Amino acid sequence: MKELVTKKRSLLKETEKLLNKQIEMEGRSSAHYLSMASWCEMKGYDNSADFLYNHSEEERMHMLKLIRYVNEAGGHALQPEITDIKHSFETLREVFEHILEHEIEVTKSINTIVDHCFMEKDFATFSFLQWYVTEQREEETIARRALELFDIIGEEGIGLWTIDQEIAKLEGQESAAQTMGGGEG
């Protein structure tokens, strides 16, 4: 069947390449969160598991948002191949340390694309990515807060149970921050 409408391209090839790399990063984020959620659930950290399952879905939505943007701008978004996902962790703290490190890498990647778009005067993509800039600040803040719980509460005695309880409250803080900031989650 012939294509009825051929989209004209407004997206530079280099921008498309960077966005496809970000699509892969968001897909990888979703897979990481899903794997960590499963490990937490298996270990009895139910609140942390719920928090991470929700984040897995959120990261998938970030990926889909990018895919639609690339395609609507005349590019071709590529479904990423996701491999090498870690499935076991030594401690709950390790899970949240991994999250913060990963979110910092995602922020760097978003900033690289934003800088590229600014330099290329691709203001439509630059504007589109501002949502991701704000979202990443929120993601890093929540990840830092989760790690602070380990230092404030401690892991001895009922510490890990208490931390798991507090992780559930972070979900509410994140939702409130997104509502005030106009984010989608």
Protein backbone atom coordinates (compact mmCIF):
# COMPACT_ATOMS: atom_id res chain seq x y z
CA MET A 1 0.00 0.00 0.00
CA LYS A 2 1.25 3.45 -0.87
CA GLU A 3 1.75 6.04 1.81
CA LEU A 4 -1.08 8.54 1.51
CA VAL A 5 0.81 11.43 3.03
CA THR A 6 4.54 11.86 3.13
CA LYS A 7 5.56 13.88 6.14
CA LYS A 8 8.03 16.59 5.49
CA ARG A 9 10.89 16.54 7.88
CA SER A 10 11.39 19.36 10.37
CA LEU A 11 13.68 17.33 12.59
CA LEU A 12 17.39 17.38 11.87
CA LYS A 13 18.97 13.93 11.47
CA GLU A 14 21.41 14.65 14.33
CA THR A 15 18.53 15.69 16.60
CA GLU A 16 16.62 12.55 15.64
CA LYS A 17 19.68 10.47 16.52
CA LEU A 18 19.99 12.15 19.94
CA LEU A 19 16.28 11.74 20.62
CA ASN A 20 16.42 8.06 19.69
CA LYS A 21 19.31 7.67 22.11
CA GLN A 22 17.11 9.31 24.77
CA ILE A 23 14.24 6.99 23.86
CA GLU A 24 16.58 4.10 24.59
CA MET A 25 17.63 5.69 27.89
CA GLU A 26 14.00 6.13 28.96
CA GLY A 27 13.22 2.53 27.98
CA ARG A 28 16.26 1.37 29.93
CA SER A 29 15.07 3.44 32.90
CA SER A 30 11.70 1.71 32.77
CA ALA A 31 13.35 -1.71 32.64
CA HIS A 32 15.71 -0.84 35.53
CA TYR A 33 12.84 0.37 37.69
CA LEU A 34 10.81 -2.74 36.86
CA SER A 35 13.68 -5.03 37.79
CA MET A 36 14.30 -3.17 41.05
CA ALA A 37 10.58 -3.26 41.86
CA SER A 38 10.49 -7.01 41.41
CA TRP A 39 13.54 -7.45 43.66
CA CYS A 40 11.98 -5.22 46.34
CA GLU A 41 8.73 -7.12 46.20
CA MET A 42 10.57 -10.43 46.50
CA LYS A 43 12.42 -9.09 49.58
CA GLY A 44 9.25 -7.82 51.25
CA TYR A 45 9.78 -4.09 50.66
CA ASP A 46 6.24 -3.64 49.39
CA ASN A 47 6.12 0.17 49.50
CA SER A 48 9.43 0.46 47.69
CA ALA A 49 8.19 -2.08 45.14
CA ASP A 50 5.01 -0.05 44.50
CA PHE A 51 7.06 3.14 44.22
CA LEU A 52 9.35 1.50 41.66
CA TYR A 53 6.55 -0.17 39.69
CA ASN A 54 4.94 3.27 39.35
CA HIS A 55 8.25 4.76 38.25
CA SER A 56 8.74 2.03 35.69
CA GLU A 57 5.42 2.95 34.11
CA GLU A 58 6.28 6.66 34.31
CA GLU A 59 9.58 6.10 32.50
CA ARG A 60 7.76 4.14 29.82
CA MET A 61 5.42 7.09 29.34
CA HIS A 62 8.46 9.38 29.01
CA MET A 63 9.73 7.08 26.26
CA LEU A 64 6.37 7.07 24.47
CA LYS A 65 6.16 10.85 24.63
CA LEU A 66 9.54 11.07 22.88
CA ILE A 67 8.58 8.45 20.29
CA ARG A 68 5.45 10.37 19.35
CA TYR A 69 7.35 13.65 19.13
CA VAL A 70 10.03 12.22 16.83
CA ASN A 71 7.45 10.64 14.54
CA GLU A 72 5.23 13.72 14.46
CA ALA A 73 8.26 15.86 13.51
CA GLY A 74 8.88 13.65 10.47
CA GLY A 75 11.58 11.49 12.00
CA HIS A 76 11.56 7.78 12.76
CA ALA A 77 11.56 6.80 16.41
CA LEU A 78 13.12 3.44 17.09
CA GLN A 79 11.98 0.89 19.66
CA PRO A 80 15.08 0.29 21.76
CA GLU A 81 16.58 -3.09 22.42
CA ILE A 82 17.00 -3.32 26.18
CA THR A 83 19.56 -5.78 27.55
CA ASP A 84 21.92 -6.10 30.51
CA ILE A 85 19.45 -5.15 33.22
CA LYS A 86 20.58 -5.91 36.77
CA HIS A 87 18.16 -8.22 38.60
CA SER A 88 19.77 -8.68 42.03
CA PHE A 89 20.88 -6.21 44.63
CA GLU A 90 22.71 -6.59 47.90
CA THR A 91 20.65 -4.04 49.84
CA LEU A 92 17.69 -1.71 49.56
CA ARG A 93 20.12 1.19 49.83
CA GLU A 94 21.97 -0.10 46.75
CA VAL A 95 18.70 0.09 44.82
CA PHE A 96 18.23 3.75 45.67
CA GLU A 97 21.90 4.59 45.09
CA HIS A 98 21.54 3.09 41.62
CA ILE A 99 18.43 5.19 41.03
CA LEU A 100 20.18 8.46 41.88
CA GLU A 101 23.21 7.64 39.72
CA HIS A 102 20.95 6.71 36.82
CA GLU A 103 18.77 9.82 37.14
CA ILE A 104 21.87 12.03 37.10
CA GLU A 105 22.93 10.34 33.84
CA VAL A 106 19.46 10.92 32.38
CA THR A 107 19.68 14.60 33.36
CA LYS A 108 23.05 14.92 31.63
CA SER A 109 21.63 13.32 28.50
CA ILE A 110 18.60 15.63 28.44
CA ASN A 111 20.86 18.64 28.94
CA THR A 112 23.04 17.55 26.02
CA ILE A 113 20.02 17.35 23.72
CA VAL A 114 18.66 20.69 24.96
CA ASP A 115 22.05 22.32 24.32
CA HIS A 116 22.17 20.79 20.84
CA CYS A 117 18.68 22.07 20.02
CA PHE A 118 19.54 25.56 21.26
CA MET A 119 22.71 25.64 19.16
CA GLU A 120 20.79 24.41 16.08
CA LYS A 121 17.99 26.89 16.72
CA ASP A 122 15.51 24.01 16.84
CA PHE A 123 13.23 25.89 19.20
CA ALA A 124 10.28 23.52 18.78
CA THR A 125 12.31 20.58 20.13
CA PHE A 126 13.99 22.86 22.66
CA SER A 127 10.55 23.87 23.95
CA PHE A 128 9.30 20.27 23.96
CA LEU A 129 12.30 19.21 26.06
CA GLN A 130 11.67 21.80 28.78
CA TRP A 131 9.14 19.42 30.31
CA TYR A 132 11.92 16.81 30.59
CA VAL A 133 14.29 19.35 32.17
CA THR A 134 11.75 20.06 34.91
CA GLU A 135 10.88 16.39 35.28
CA GLN A 136 14.53 15.46 35.76
CA ARG A 137 14.97 17.99 38.53
CA GLU A 138 12.01 16.37 40.30
CA GLU A 139 13.37 12.85 39.67
CA GLU A 140 16.77 13.72 41.13
CA THR A 141 15.21 15.46 44.14
CA ILE A 142 13.07 12.41 44.97
CA ALA A 143 16.07 10.06 44.52
CA ARG A 144 18.18 12.20 46.84
CA ARG A 145 15.40 12.32 49.40
CA ALA A 146 15.06 8.53 49.32
CA LEU A 147 18.78 8.12 50.01
CA GLU A 148 18.62 10.67 52.83
CA LEU A 149 16.14 8.38 54.57
CA PHE A 150 18.85 5.76 54.98
CA ASP A 151 21.13 8.28 56.69
CA ILE A 152 18.43 9.89 58.83
CA ILE A 153 16.64 6.73 59.95
CA GLY A 154 19.46 4.20 59.78
CA GLU A 155 19.18 0.60 58.66
CA GLU A 156 19.44 -1.17 62.01
CA GLY A 157 16.51 -2.66 63.91
CA ILE A 158 13.25 -1.50 62.37
CA GLY A 159 15.13 1.03 60.24
CA LEU A 160 14.61 -0.73 56.91
CA TRP A 161 10.92 -1.25 57.67
CA THR A 162 10.59 2.44 58.52
CA ILE A 163 12.47 3.48 55.38
CA ASP A 164 10.11 1.33 53.30
CA GLN A 165 7.16 3.09 54.96
CA GLU A 166 8.66 6.50 54.20
CA ILE A 167 9.30 5.58 50.55
CA ALA A 168 5.51 5.32 50.14
CA LYS A 169 5.22 8.94 51.29
CA LEU A 170 7.72 10.07 48.65
CA GLU A 171 5.23 9.05 46.00
CA GLY A 172 2.75 11.56 47.46
CA GLN A 173 5.40 14.29 47.66
CA GLU A 174 6.28 13.68 44.02
CA SER A 175 2.64 13.90 42.94
CA ALA A 176 2.21 17.17 44.83
CA ALA A 177 5.37 18.62 43.28
CA GLN A 178 4.17 17.65 39.80
CA THR A 179 0.76 19.18 40.40
CA MET A 180 2.30 22.45 41.59
CA GLY A 181 4.82 22.40 38.73
CA GLY A 182 2.29 21.38 36.10
CA GLY A 183 4.08 18.07 35.37
CA GLU A 184 2.38 14.97 34.05
CA GLY A 185 4.09 12.39 36.20
